[in-house]
């Protein structure tokens, strides 16, 4: 993991380093809907760490969309933490539901 991206100390599942683009949709801290590209920086069976330049509050619901083999894998998730770093904000999300579209 890059030094400028903080690592959370306590995890229920170990996280592994992943670098992948993703589309994130939801309502930001100002109350506006957004749908934007983000970068996955790590992941586990329970959630992901995302680099995203957007103000979000903990417990905000997000939809993560991941293109996969001609289909889109969508994951309903919840923001667990927001940490500033040199590259923007690290958004820690916990998975709720998944769907293949």
N, C-alpha and C. Protein backbone atom coordinates (compact mmCIF):
# COMPACT_ATOMS: atom_id res chain seq x y z
N UNK A 1 0.84 -1.17 0.00
CA UNK A 1 0.00 0.00 0.00
C UNK A 1 0.89 1.23 0.00
N UNK A 2 0.47 2.29 -0.68
CA UNK A 2 1.23 3.53 -0.71
C UNK A 2 1.31 4.13 0.69
N UNK A 3 2.44 4.75 1.01
CA UNK A 3 2.62 5.32 2.34
C UNK A 3 1.64 6.44 2.63
N UNK A 4 1.23 7.20 1.61
CA UNK A 4 0.35 8.33 1.87
C UNK A 4 -1.11 7.93 2.06
N UNK A 5 -1.44 6.65 1.88
CA UNK A 5 -2.80 6.16 2.11
C UNK A 5 -2.83 5.46 3.46
N UNK A 6 -3.61 5.98 4.44
CA UNK A 6 -3.60 5.40 5.78
C UNK A 6 -4.23 4.02 5.82
N UNK A 7 -3.79 3.22 6.76
CA UNK A 7 -4.30 1.85 6.97
C UNK A 7 -5.07 1.82 8.29
N UNK A 8 -6.25 1.25 8.29
CA UNK A 8 -7.02 1.11 9.52
C UNK A 8 -6.45 -0.07 10.31
N UNK A 9 -6.32 0.08 11.62
CA UNK A 9 -5.65 -0.94 12.44
C UNK A 9 -6.52 -2.17 12.72
N UNK A 10 -7.79 -1.99 13.06
CA UNK A 10 -8.63 -3.11 13.45
C UNK A 10 -9.56 -3.52 12.32
N UNK A 11 -9.55 -4.78 11.96
CA UNK A 11 -10.37 -5.32 10.88
C UNK A 11 -10.98 -6.64 11.31
N UNK A 12 -12.22 -6.90 10.89
CA UNK A 12 -12.81 -8.21 11.15
C UNK A 12 -12.30 -9.22 10.12
N UNK A 13 -11.92 -8.75 8.94
CA UNK A 13 -11.35 -9.57 7.87
C UNK A 13 -10.07 -8.90 7.37
N UNK A 14 -9.04 -9.66 7.05
CA UNK A 14 -7.82 -9.03 6.52
C UNK A 14 -8.09 -8.40 5.16
N UNK A 15 -7.47 -7.27 4.91
CA UNK A 15 -7.59 -6.60 3.62
C UNK A 15 -6.37 -6.91 2.77
N UNK A 16 -6.60 -6.99 1.47
CA UNK A 16 -5.50 -7.19 0.52
C UNK A 16 -5.45 -5.98 -0.41
N UNK A 17 -4.26 -5.67 -0.88
CA UNK A 17 -4.08 -4.54 -1.79
C UNK A 17 -4.67 -4.88 -3.15
N UNK A 18 -5.53 -4.00 -3.65
CA UNK A 18 -6.18 -4.15 -4.96
C UNK A 18 -6.13 -2.79 -5.63
N UNK A 19 -5.87 -2.74 -6.89
CA UNK A 19 -5.94 -1.49 -7.65
C UNK A 19 -6.91 -1.73 -8.80
N UNK A 20 -8.06 -1.05 -8.74
CA UNK A 20 -9.08 -1.27 -9.75
C UNK A 20 -9.99 -0.06 -9.83
N UNK A 21 -10.43 0.31 -11.05
CA UNK A 21 -11.42 1.38 -11.17
C UNK A 21 -12.81 0.86 -10.80
N UNK A 22 -13.67 1.77 -10.36
CA UNK A 22 -15.02 1.43 -9.94
C UNK A 22 -15.89 2.67 -10.11
N UNK A 23 -17.18 2.51 -10.26
CA UNK A 23 -18.11 3.64 -10.28
C UNK A 23 -18.86 3.65 -8.96
N UNK A 24 -18.92 4.81 -8.33
CA UNK A 24 -19.58 4.97 -7.03
C UNK A 24 -20.73 5.96 -7.20
N UNK A 25 -21.91 5.61 -6.68
CA UNK A 25 -23.09 6.48 -6.75
C UNK A 25 -23.69 6.62 -5.36
N UNK A 26 -24.23 7.80 -5.08
CA UNK A 26 -24.89 8.02 -3.80
C UNK A 26 -25.21 9.49 -3.59
N UNK A 27 -25.46 9.85 -2.35
CA UNK A 27 -25.75 11.23 -1.97
C UNK A 27 -24.57 11.72 -1.13
N UNK A 28 -23.96 12.84 -1.53
CA UNK A 28 -22.79 13.34 -0.81
C UNK A 28 -23.19 14.15 0.41
N UNK A 29 -22.20 14.70 1.12
CA UNK A 29 -22.44 15.44 2.36
C UNK A 29 -23.25 16.72 2.15
N UNK A 30 -23.29 17.22 0.92
CA UNK A 30 -24.07 18.43 0.63
C UNK A 30 -25.51 18.10 0.23
N UNK A 31 -25.83 16.80 0.17
CA UNK A 31 -27.19 16.38 -0.19
C UNK A 31 -27.42 16.20 -1.68
N UNK A 32 -26.35 16.23 -2.48
CA UNK A 32 -26.47 16.10 -3.93
C UNK A 32 -26.13 14.68 -4.38
N UNK A 33 -26.94 14.19 -5.35
CA UNK A 33 -26.66 12.89 -5.95
C UNK A 33 -25.38 12.99 -6.77
N UNK A 34 -24.57 11.93 -6.77
CA UNK A 34 -23.39 11.88 -7.61
C UNK A 34 -23.20 10.46 -8.13
N UNK A 35 -22.53 10.36 -9.23
CA UNK A 35 -22.08 9.08 -9.79
C UNK A 35 -20.73 9.39 -10.43
N UNK A 36 -19.66 8.80 -9.91
CA UNK A 36 -18.32 9.16 -10.34
C UNK A 36 -17.38 7.97 -10.27
N UNK A 37 -16.28 8.09 -10.98
CA UNK A 37 -15.24 7.05 -10.93
C UNK A 37 -14.43 7.19 -9.65
N UNK A 38 -13.98 6.06 -9.14
CA UNK A 38 -13.11 6.03 -7.97
C UNK A 38 -12.12 4.89 -8.18
N UNK A 39 -11.15 4.80 -7.29
CA UNK A 39 -10.16 3.73 -7.37
C UNK A 39 -10.23 2.86 -6.13
N UNK A 40 -10.38 1.55 -6.33
CA UNK A 40 -10.31 0.61 -5.21
C UNK A 40 -8.83 0.47 -4.84
N UNK A 41 -8.52 0.61 -3.55
CA UNK A 41 -7.13 0.48 -3.11
C UNK A 41 -6.89 -0.77 -2.28
N UNK A 42 -7.96 -1.28 -1.63
CA UNK A 42 -7.84 -2.53 -0.90
C UNK A 42 -9.23 -3.13 -0.70
N UNK A 43 -9.27 -4.39 -0.34
CA UNK A 43 -10.56 -5.03 -0.16
C UNK A 43 -10.48 -6.26 0.71
N UNK A 44 -11.64 -6.69 1.18
CA UNK A 44 -11.76 -7.91 1.97
C UNK A 44 -13.11 -8.53 1.64
N UNK A 45 -13.45 -9.59 2.32
CA UNK A 45 -14.75 -10.23 2.12
C UNK A 45 -15.89 -9.33 2.60
N UNK A 46 -15.59 -8.36 3.45
CA UNK A 46 -16.62 -7.50 4.04
C UNK A 46 -16.73 -6.11 3.44
N UNK A 47 -15.69 -5.63 2.73
CA UNK A 47 -15.75 -4.26 2.24
C UNK A 47 -14.55 -3.88 1.41
N UNK A 48 -14.49 -2.58 1.08
CA UNK A 48 -13.43 -2.03 0.24
C UNK A 48 -12.93 -0.72 0.82
N UNK A 49 -11.71 -0.37 0.46
CA UNK A 49 -11.16 0.96 0.68
C UNK A 49 -11.11 1.63 -0.67
N UNK A 50 -11.70 2.82 -0.78
CA UNK A 50 -11.77 3.55 -2.05
C UNK A 50 -11.08 4.89 -1.95
N UNK A 51 -10.41 5.30 -3.01
CA UNK A 51 -9.92 6.67 -3.13
C UNK A 51 -10.99 7.45 -3.89
N UNK A 52 -11.51 8.48 -3.25
CA UNK A 52 -12.62 9.24 -3.82
C UNK A 52 -12.50 10.69 -3.37
N UNK A 53 -12.65 11.62 -4.28
CA UNK A 53 -12.57 13.03 -3.93
C UNK A 53 -13.98 13.58 -3.77
N UNK A 54 -14.64 13.17 -2.69
CA UNK A 54 -16.02 13.55 -2.43
C UNK A 54 -16.24 13.57 -0.92
N UNK A 55 -16.95 14.58 -0.44
CA UNK A 55 -17.27 14.64 1.00
C UNK A 55 -18.43 13.71 1.30
N UNK A 56 -18.20 12.73 2.17
CA UNK A 56 -19.23 11.78 2.58
C UNK A 56 -19.24 11.65 4.09
N UNK A 57 -20.40 11.33 4.63
CA UNK A 57 -20.53 11.09 6.06
C UNK A 57 -20.57 9.58 6.34
N UNK A 58 -20.07 9.16 7.50
CA UNK A 58 -20.24 7.75 7.88
C UNK A 58 -21.73 7.38 7.87
N UNK A 59 -22.00 6.13 7.53
CA UNK A 59 -23.33 5.53 7.43
C UNK A 59 -24.09 5.93 6.17
N UNK A 60 -23.45 6.70 5.28
CA UNK A 60 -24.07 7.03 3.98
C UNK A 60 -24.14 5.76 3.14
N UNK A 61 -25.27 5.56 2.46
CA UNK A 61 -25.42 4.42 1.55
C UNK A 61 -24.83 4.76 0.19
N UNK A 62 -24.08 3.82 -0.38
CA UNK A 62 -23.49 3.98 -1.71
C UNK A 62 -23.78 2.73 -2.54
N UNK A 63 -23.81 2.91 -3.86
CA UNK A 63 -23.87 1.77 -4.77
C UNK A 63 -22.56 1.75 -5.54
N UNK A 64 -21.87 0.61 -5.46
CA UNK A 64 -20.61 0.42 -6.18
C UNK A 64 -20.92 -0.41 -7.41
N UNK A 65 -20.47 0.04 -8.58
CA UNK A 65 -20.70 -0.69 -9.83
C UNK A 65 -19.37 -1.10 -10.44
N UNK A 66 -19.24 -2.42 -10.66
CA UNK A 66 -17.99 -2.98 -11.17
C UNK A 66 -18.30 -3.74 -12.46
N UNK A 67 -17.80 -3.26 -13.62
CA UNK A 67 -18.02 -4.01 -14.87
C UNK A 67 -17.26 -5.33 -14.83
N UNK A 68 -17.91 -6.40 -15.26
CA UNK A 68 -17.28 -7.72 -15.22
C UNK A 68 -17.85 -8.60 -16.33
N UNK A 69 -17.02 -8.94 -17.30
CA UNK A 69 -17.38 -9.86 -18.38
C UNK A 69 -18.70 -9.50 -19.06
N UNK A 70 -18.85 -8.23 -19.45
CA UNK A 70 -20.02 -7.78 -20.18
C UNK A 70 -21.24 -7.49 -19.32
N UNK A 71 -21.14 -7.67 -18.02
CA UNK A 71 -22.23 -7.38 -17.10
C UNK A 71 -21.72 -6.42 -16.03
N UNK A 72 -22.63 -5.95 -15.18
CA UNK A 72 -22.23 -5.04 -14.11
C UNK A 72 -22.60 -5.66 -12.77
N UNK A 73 -21.61 -5.76 -11.90
CA UNK A 73 -21.79 -6.27 -10.55
C UNK A 73 -22.03 -5.06 -9.67
N UNK A 74 -23.21 -4.96 -9.04
CA UNK A 74 -23.52 -3.82 -8.18
C UNK A 74 -23.56 -4.27 -6.73
N UNK A 75 -22.97 -3.44 -5.87
CA UNK A 75 -22.89 -3.75 -4.45
C UNK A 75 -23.45 -2.57 -3.67
N UNK A 76 -24.49 -2.82 -2.89
CA UNK A 76 -24.99 -1.80 -1.97
C UNK A 76 -24.05 -1.81 -0.77
N UNK A 77 -23.58 -0.62 -0.38
CA UNK A 77 -22.60 -0.55 0.70
C UNK A 77 -22.90 0.64 1.60
N UNK A 78 -22.17 0.68 2.72
CA UNK A 78 -22.33 1.75 3.70
C UNK A 78 -20.96 2.30 4.06
N UNK A 79 -20.84 3.63 4.09
CA UNK A 79 -19.58 4.27 4.49
C UNK A 79 -19.35 4.02 5.97
N UNK A 80 -18.16 3.52 6.30
CA UNK A 80 -17.80 3.27 7.70
C UNK A 80 -16.82 4.31 8.22
N UNK A 81 -15.93 4.80 7.35
CA UNK A 81 -14.99 5.85 7.78
C UNK A 81 -14.53 6.64 6.57
N UNK A 82 -14.12 7.88 6.83
CA UNK A 82 -13.57 8.77 5.80
C UNK A 82 -12.28 9.34 6.38
N UNK A 83 -11.16 9.13 5.67
CA UNK A 83 -9.86 9.59 6.13
C UNK A 83 -9.18 10.37 5.02
N UNK A 84 -8.73 11.59 5.32
CA UNK A 84 -8.01 12.38 4.32
C UNK A 84 -6.60 11.84 4.14
N UNK A 85 -6.11 11.93 2.90
CA UNK A 85 -4.73 11.55 2.59
C UNK A 85 -4.23 12.44 1.45
N UNK A 86 -2.97 12.26 1.06
CA UNK A 86 -2.37 13.09 0.02
C UNK A 86 -3.11 12.99 -1.32
N UNK A 87 -3.75 11.87 -1.56
CA UNK A 87 -4.39 11.63 -2.87
C UNK A 87 -5.89 11.88 -2.86
N UNK A 88 -6.45 12.42 -1.78
CA UNK A 88 -7.88 12.68 -1.69
C UNK A 88 -8.42 12.15 -0.38
N UNK A 89 -9.48 11.35 -0.47
CA UNK A 89 -10.07 10.77 0.72
C UNK A 89 -10.14 9.26 0.57
N UNK A 90 -9.79 8.55 1.64
CA UNK A 90 -9.97 7.11 1.67
C UNK A 90 -11.33 6.87 2.32
N UNK A 91 -12.20 6.22 1.57
CA UNK A 91 -13.55 5.91 2.03
C UNK A 91 -13.58 4.41 2.32
N UNK A 92 -13.82 4.04 3.56
CA UNK A 92 -13.97 2.64 3.92
C UNK A 92 -15.44 2.27 3.86
N UNK A 93 -15.79 1.28 3.05
CA UNK A 93 -17.19 0.87 2.92
C UNK A 93 -17.37 -0.58 3.33
N UNK A 94 -18.54 -0.86 3.89
CA UNK A 94 -18.93 -2.21 4.29
C UNK A 94 -20.04 -2.68 3.34
N UNK A 95 -19.93 -3.91 2.83
CA UNK A 95 -20.93 -4.44 1.90
C UNK A 95 -22.24 -4.74 2.63
N UNK A 96 -23.35 -4.47 1.93
CA UNK A 96 -24.69 -4.83 2.43
C UNK A 96 -25.33 -5.90 1.55
N UNK A 97 -25.51 -5.58 0.23
CA UNK A 97 -26.16 -6.49 -0.71
C UNK A 97 -25.43 -6.44 -2.04
N UNK A 98 -25.52 -7.53 -2.82
CA UNK A 98 -24.92 -7.53 -4.14
C UNK A 98 -25.97 -7.95 -5.18
N UNK A 99 -25.75 -7.52 -6.42
CA UNK A 99 -26.62 -7.91 -7.54
C UNK A 99 -25.80 -7.93 -8.80
N UNK A 100 -26.11 -8.85 -9.70
CA UNK A 100 -25.45 -8.93 -11.01
C UNK A 100 -26.46 -8.48 -12.04
N UNK A 101 -26.13 -7.44 -12.79
CA UNK A 101 -27.07 -6.87 -13.77
C UNK A 101 -26.60 -7.20 -15.18
